[in-house]
Amino acid sequence: MDWYNKKKMGTGAPAYTPSPYGSMGTSSGSLSPTATTLGPMDRDSYYFSQLPLYCADWTYLGLEDKECVALSSYKEGFNNKLQILHGSKYGSDYTRGNGSDPRILDENIDSASPTSSSHAQYQKYQGLLPRYYDDPIVEGFDFHNIAEASVEYPITNLQWDPSMKNTGEKRVAASLEVLRLYKVSMNSYEQGESELLQTHILANNTSGSSSTSGSSNNASVTKGSGGEDINTFPPVTSFDWNKTDPNIIITSSVDTTCTVWDLHRSHTLLKVGDDTIDTATVMTQLIAHDSEVFDVKFIHNSSNIFASVGNDGSMRVFDLRSLEHSTIIYEPSLPLATTPSSIGPGASLGASAMNAKALLKLSTSNIDQHHLATIGINSNQVIIIDMRMPGLPVATLDGSLGGVNHAAINMIRWHPSSNYVLTGGDDCQALVWDCNNVQQSKTNGDSGIIIDTPVLAYEEELEVNNICWRQNTGDWMGVVSGKGFQAVQL
């Protein structure tokens, strides 16, 4: 993969193409305005929300040629939002050709009536692309909100259904006090009107196999299938939707457990009268850690093996075919914290209750199923573990950048099809790290290799709360900072 060798010019909107690390902040290395010099309304491939944002997931639907982005807010109180965006491509057809303005869709547009449709289109793109008249081709996305749902608590994780690319049915899952599943229903295709319909409420009911379904998108729904108050159940902290078998979802909870759910997609759906409703049941529930479980992920290309991290400071691996035992593949010997900054909404405990060795986030490689990455509480280091060599990291991504940066890393994401890791942190940067040489660390002693220089860097004005890849392609990344979601081309 050679996108990290691309020059900054000629790849679309130059303000949102990340720089090779080391060129940022220098007069010779910056060929265009950075994100910190532009207001929200001046940006391209950008969505501005009315609420502070935290979670994000982005996927591309080839069947519809649509970009689907799910965002969630992080606000104190009981007034949060789950927002669904559609992204439409612009710029790829606006070639200059004979010196014409690439923003003009028609050669005769200048003579068009101010009330004509072509004039209206010109006005739209004139305001959208004011700076790129020197670019032969401009590529980007126009994001717009098509549906949203109110939720009481901040969402800690968002994922699109992995089977969406094949089925075209838009479904998204969100973890908050429970795991809620939604589907995007198109009311009027011509007018682009949609709504979010809640299909499942999967509560962490340890007393039995709780399955809940419904068609309401109202956040005030607080009853489980047996009439229980879901607010009395232990909160869900995170989840993962299995990509090999999309019938399976696993959740983690503060009560030390992980729960595996079967969505019964391969079975006949339950019918009530003339209506068909979705169902889900618990496949298994196990005590995974000695204290709160903060994150859980399935191993690449497996529907049975998953890993989890938690407040006890351990990374553990389980196999659904043999749950009698688990393997602790990593425990930090020393606290990983490097900064006293506060933790994000992914953890439900107060700072005083947090273990100094706690592991907060987990990401699994999509290239080598033996490789996992994790970050600790308030840490600026990403620890990469090889399951075949438990105990010590095979590599460490040093977010201190040689000791000059003390800001914590908030999120890690492995590239969907290459051996690169994306991080976002309190230093206002989204960084791309090259992990292709991790295998060589096996001959470099017990400590593994230290990677202290990313290959790409993108800087925001505020802290980067979350990051995501454009799934199914990996040629763009999404950056969540403040109230905005910025698409960045690689």
Foldseek 3Di string as FASTA:
>chain_A
DCPLVDQLPQPADSQFAFFFPPLPPDPVSDPDDHQAVDDQQQDFQKDFFPAAWFEKEWAAAPVVRKIWMWIKHADPFFWIKIWIKIKDKDFQQQFCPPNRFSQQPDPCQVVDDCPDPSVVSSVVSCSRDVDPRVHRTHIHIDMDTQEMFTAGHTWQYKDWQLCCNPPVWTKMWTFDQFIWIWTWAQPDPVVSHIYIFTAWTGAPDPVFKWTATDGHRHNPPQQTPVRDGSNVGFGWLEKEQDNLDNQWIWTFGQAQKIWIKGFQPVHQFDDDPNDGGTIMTTPDMDRHDPGGWLDKYAFAPDPFKIWTFWQVLWIWIGGNVDRPDIDTQEHDPDQQAQDPDDADPSDDDDPVPGRSNGWHDKEHANPDSQWIWTDGDNHQKIFITGNVRGYEGQEIERSCLVVVDRWGWQDWYAQNPAGWIWIFTQVQKIFIAHCPCSVVSVPVDRHHYYHRGTRTMGGHPGGFNDKYAHPPPRQWIWTRGTRMIHIHGD
